[in-house]
N, C-alpha and C. Protein backbone atom coordinates (compact mmCIF):
# COMPACT_ATOMS: atom_id res chain seq x y z
N LEU A 1 137.89 104.91 219.87
CA LEU A 1 137.49 105.15 218.50
C LEU A 1 136.07 105.70 218.51
N LEU A 2 135.83 106.72 217.77
CA LEU A 2 134.51 107.33 217.67
C LEU A 2 133.91 107.02 216.32
N VAL A 3 132.65 106.66 216.28
CA VAL A 3 131.97 106.37 215.03
C VAL A 3 130.81 107.34 214.90
N PHE A 4 130.75 108.04 213.77
CA PHE A 4 129.69 109.00 213.51
C PHE A 4 128.94 108.59 212.26
N PHE A 5 127.61 108.68 212.30
CA PHE A 5 126.79 108.40 211.15
C PHE A 5 125.99 109.66 210.83
N PHE A 6 126.06 110.13 209.59
CA PHE A 6 125.37 111.33 209.18
C PHE A 6 124.38 111.00 208.08
N LYS A 7 123.15 111.47 208.22
CA LYS A 7 122.17 111.26 207.17
C LYS A 7 122.22 112.38 206.12
N GLN A 8 122.44 113.58 206.55
CA GLN A 8 122.37 114.71 205.63
C GLN A 8 123.74 115.30 205.30
N LYS A 9 124.62 115.38 206.27
CA LYS A 9 125.91 116.02 206.06
C LYS A 9 126.91 115.04 205.47
N THR A 10 127.84 115.55 204.72
CA THR A 10 128.98 114.76 204.29
C THR A 10 130.18 115.25 205.07
N ALA A 11 131.26 114.52 205.00
CA ALA A 11 132.47 114.92 205.73
C ALA A 11 132.93 116.31 205.31
N TYR A 12 132.67 116.69 204.06
CA TYR A 12 133.12 117.99 203.55
C TYR A 12 132.23 119.14 204.00
N GLU A 13 131.03 118.84 204.50
CA GLU A 13 130.11 119.89 204.91
C GLU A 13 130.18 120.20 206.40
N ILE A 14 130.96 119.42 207.12
CA ILE A 14 131.07 119.63 208.56
C ILE A 14 131.94 120.85 208.81
N LYS A 15 131.43 121.78 209.59
CA LYS A 15 132.17 123.01 209.87
C LYS A 15 133.11 122.81 211.04
N GLU A 16 134.15 123.60 211.07
CA GLU A 16 135.15 123.52 212.13
C GLU A 16 134.51 123.64 213.51
N CYS A 17 133.49 124.46 213.63
CA CYS A 17 132.85 124.68 214.93
C CYS A 17 132.05 123.45 215.40
N ASP A 18 131.83 122.45 214.52
CA ASP A 18 131.11 121.24 214.90
C ASP A 18 131.96 120.28 215.73
N TRP A 19 133.26 120.49 215.79
CA TRP A 19 134.17 119.52 216.40
C TRP A 19 134.84 120.08 217.64
N SER A 20 134.93 119.28 218.67
CA SER A 20 135.71 119.66 219.84
C SER A 20 137.13 119.17 219.64
N SER A 21 138.08 119.69 220.38
CA SER A 21 139.47 119.25 220.25
C SER A 21 139.61 117.79 220.67
N ASP A 22 138.76 117.32 221.60
CA ASP A 22 138.79 115.91 221.99
C ASP A 22 138.43 115.00 220.83
N VAL A 23 137.43 115.37 220.05
CA VAL A 23 137.02 114.57 218.91
C VAL A 23 138.10 114.59 217.84
N CYS A 24 138.65 115.74 217.56
CA CYS A 24 139.64 115.86 216.50
C CYS A 24 140.92 115.11 216.80
N SER A 25 141.24 114.89 218.05
CA SER A 25 142.47 114.18 218.40
C SER A 25 142.25 112.67 218.50
N SER A 26 141.03 112.20 218.31
CA SER A 26 140.72 110.78 218.40
C SER A 26 140.77 110.12 217.04
N ASP A 27 140.85 108.78 217.05
CA ASP A 27 140.63 108.05 215.81
C ASP A 27 139.18 108.29 215.41
N LEU A 28 138.93 108.34 214.12
CA LEU A 28 137.61 108.78 213.68
C LEU A 28 137.16 108.00 212.46
N ILE A 29 135.93 107.56 212.48
CA ILE A 29 135.29 107.00 211.29
C ILE A 29 134.00 107.77 211.08
N VAL A 30 133.84 108.32 209.89
CA VAL A 30 132.62 109.02 209.52
C VAL A 30 131.93 108.18 208.45
N ALA A 31 130.67 107.86 208.65
CA ALA A 31 129.89 107.12 207.66
C ALA A 31 128.67 107.94 207.32
N TYR A 32 128.41 108.12 206.02
CA TYR A 32 127.23 108.88 205.64
C TYR A 32 126.52 108.21 204.48
N ILE A 33 125.21 108.38 204.46
CA ILE A 33 124.36 107.72 203.48
C ILE A 33 124.40 108.47 202.16
N SER A 34 124.60 107.71 201.10
CA SER A 34 124.57 108.25 199.74
C SER A 34 123.75 107.28 198.90
N GLY A 35 122.45 107.49 198.88
CA GLY A 35 121.55 106.57 198.18
C GLY A 35 121.48 105.24 198.92
N ILE A 36 121.79 104.14 198.22
CA ILE A 36 121.75 102.82 198.85
C ILE A 36 123.12 102.40 199.36
N LYS A 37 124.09 103.29 199.23
CA LYS A 37 125.46 103.02 199.69
C LYS A 37 125.78 103.86 200.91
N ILE A 38 126.72 103.37 201.70
CA ILE A 38 127.27 104.12 202.82
C ILE A 38 128.71 104.46 202.47
N ASN A 39 129.04 105.73 202.45
CA ASN A 39 130.41 106.18 202.24
C ASN A 39 131.09 106.29 203.59
N ILE A 40 132.28 105.73 203.69
CA ILE A 40 133.01 105.69 204.95
C ILE A 40 134.36 106.36 204.77
N SER A 41 134.72 107.18 205.73
CA SER A 41 136.04 107.81 205.75
C SER A 41 136.63 107.62 207.14
N GLY A 42 137.85 107.15 207.20
CA GLY A 42 138.48 106.91 208.49
C GLY A 42 139.84 107.58 208.60
N ARG A 43 140.16 108.05 209.79
CA ARG A 43 141.46 108.65 210.09
C ARG A 43 141.92 108.13 211.43
N GLY A 44 143.20 107.76 211.52
CA GLY A 44 143.75 107.31 212.79
C GLY A 44 144.79 106.23 212.59
N LYS A 45 145.43 105.88 213.66
CA LYS A 45 146.48 104.87 213.62
C LYS A 45 145.90 103.51 213.23
N ASN A 46 146.50 102.88 212.22
CA ASN A 46 146.08 101.56 211.72
C ASN A 46 144.64 101.49 211.25
N ILE A 47 144.05 102.63 210.90
CA ILE A 47 142.64 102.66 210.53
C ILE A 47 142.37 101.90 209.24
N GLN A 48 143.33 101.87 208.32
CA GLN A 48 143.12 101.12 207.07
C GLN A 48 142.91 99.63 207.37
N THR A 49 143.75 99.07 208.21
CA THR A 49 143.62 97.66 208.57
C THR A 49 142.28 97.38 209.21
N ILE A 50 141.86 98.25 210.12
CA ILE A 50 140.59 98.07 210.83
C ILE A 50 139.41 98.10 209.87
N ILE A 51 139.34 99.12 209.03
CA ILE A 51 138.19 99.26 208.12
C ILE A 51 138.18 98.15 207.07
N LEU A 52 139.33 97.80 206.51
CA LEU A 52 139.34 96.75 205.49
C LEU A 52 138.93 95.40 206.08
N LYS A 53 139.31 95.13 207.31
CA LYS A 53 138.85 93.90 207.98
C LYS A 53 137.33 93.96 208.21
N ALA A 54 136.83 95.12 208.57
CA ALA A 54 135.40 95.28 208.87
C ALA A 54 134.53 95.10 207.63
N ILE A 55 135.00 95.50 206.45
CA ILE A 55 134.17 95.38 205.25
C ILE A 55 134.35 94.04 204.54
N LYS A 56 135.33 93.26 204.98
CA LYS A 56 135.58 91.96 204.36
C LYS A 56 134.33 91.08 204.46
N GLY A 57 133.95 90.49 203.35
CA GLY A 57 132.78 89.61 203.31
C GLY A 57 131.49 90.30 202.90
N PHE A 58 131.47 91.62 202.86
CA PHE A 58 130.28 92.33 202.41
C PHE A 58 130.28 92.37 200.88
N LYS A 59 129.16 91.99 200.28
CA LYS A 59 129.04 91.98 198.82
C LYS A 59 129.18 93.40 198.27
N ASP A 60 130.00 93.55 197.24
CA ASP A 60 130.23 94.82 196.54
C ASP A 60 130.89 95.90 197.40
N ALA A 61 131.45 95.54 198.54
CA ALA A 61 132.16 96.53 199.38
C ALA A 61 133.52 96.84 198.75
N THR A 62 133.91 98.10 198.84
CA THR A 62 135.22 98.52 198.33
C THR A 62 135.89 99.39 199.38
N GLY A 63 137.22 99.42 199.34
CA GLY A 63 137.94 100.26 200.28
C GLY A 63 139.41 100.33 199.92
N GLY A 64 140.05 101.40 200.39
CA GLY A 64 141.46 101.57 200.15
C GLY A 64 141.93 102.92 200.65
N GLY A 65 143.22 103.12 200.55
CA GLY A 65 143.79 104.39 200.98
C GLY A 65 145.16 104.18 201.57
N HIS A 66 145.37 104.80 202.69
CA HIS A 66 146.66 104.76 203.37
C HIS A 66 146.46 104.22 204.78
N GLU A 67 147.54 103.85 205.44
CA GLU A 67 147.45 103.24 206.76
C GLU A 67 146.70 104.12 207.77
N GLU A 68 146.83 105.43 207.66
CA GLU A 68 146.18 106.31 208.62
C GLU A 68 145.05 107.15 208.03
N ALA A 69 144.69 106.87 206.76
CA ALA A 69 143.58 107.57 206.11
C ALA A 69 143.00 106.63 205.06
N VAL A 70 141.72 106.31 205.20
CA VAL A 70 141.11 105.31 204.32
C VAL A 70 139.68 105.68 203.99
N GLY A 71 139.23 105.25 202.82
CA GLY A 71 137.84 105.41 202.42
C GLY A 71 137.27 104.06 202.04
N ALA A 72 135.97 103.90 202.16
CA ALA A 72 135.31 102.65 201.80
C ALA A 72 133.85 102.92 201.47
N LYS A 73 133.23 101.93 200.80
CA LYS A 73 131.80 101.98 200.52
C LYS A 73 131.22 100.61 200.82
N ILE A 74 130.05 100.62 201.47
CA ILE A 74 129.31 99.39 201.73
C ILE A 74 127.84 99.65 201.41
N LYS A 75 127.06 98.59 201.34
CA LYS A 75 125.62 98.74 201.14
C LYS A 75 124.97 99.16 202.46
N PHE A 76 123.88 99.89 202.34
CA PHE A 76 123.15 100.34 203.52
C PHE A 76 122.79 99.16 204.43
N GLU A 77 122.41 98.04 203.83
CA GLU A 77 121.98 96.87 204.61
C GLU A 77 123.11 96.29 205.48
N ASP A 78 124.36 96.63 205.17
CA ASP A 78 125.51 96.13 205.94
C ASP A 78 125.97 97.07 207.05
N LEU A 79 125.30 98.20 207.19
CA LEU A 79 125.74 99.23 208.13
C LEU A 79 125.81 98.73 209.58
N GLU A 80 124.78 98.08 210.05
CA GLU A 80 124.77 97.63 211.45
C GLU A 80 125.86 96.58 211.70
N GLU A 81 126.04 95.66 210.78
CA GLU A 81 127.09 94.65 210.93
C GLU A 81 128.48 95.29 210.87
N PHE A 82 128.64 96.30 210.02
CA PHE A 82 129.90 97.05 209.96
C PHE A 82 130.21 97.68 211.31
N ARG A 83 129.20 98.32 211.92
CA ARG A 83 129.39 98.95 213.23
C ARG A 83 129.82 97.92 214.27
N LYS A 84 129.18 96.77 214.28
CA LYS A 84 129.53 95.72 215.24
C LYS A 84 130.96 95.22 215.02
N LYS A 85 131.33 95.04 213.76
CA LYS A 85 132.70 94.59 213.45
C LYS A 85 133.73 95.62 213.90
N ILE A 86 133.44 96.90 213.67
CA ILE A 86 134.36 97.96 214.08
C ILE A 86 134.55 97.92 215.60
N GLU A 87 133.46 97.82 216.33
CA GLU A 87 133.56 97.77 217.79
C GLU A 87 134.43 96.60 218.26
N LYS A 88 134.24 95.45 217.63
CA LYS A 88 135.02 94.26 218.00
C LYS A 88 136.49 94.44 217.64
N LEU A 89 136.78 94.95 216.46
CA LEU A 89 138.16 95.14 216.01
C LEU A 89 138.92 96.14 216.87
N VAL A 90 138.23 97.18 217.31
CA VAL A 90 138.87 98.22 218.12
C VAL A 90 139.24 97.65 219.49
N GLU A 91 138.45 96.73 220.00
CA GLU A 91 138.73 96.13 221.30
C GLU A 91 139.96 95.22 221.29
N GLU A 92 140.33 94.70 220.10
CA GLU A 92 141.46 93.77 220.00
C GLU A 92 142.78 94.43 220.29
């Protein structure tokens, strides 16, 4: 699983030339800063389950979508803990 954090770009601003075929064929979570919130977009097998488990317990966190495509929002202060939870969940 690859985790990307973008300060300036959003998922919609990433150009095709920014991605290698190896990255595009992997499970992917993109997180980008939007004010005091972090917008998260995930693609991959069982990614909805992984992300929803990772945001559980964070105040004001939201998420939803489909099993292989999901979006979520968390507070900036929860970003590091979210990353740690993702790493642990992926290892399971």
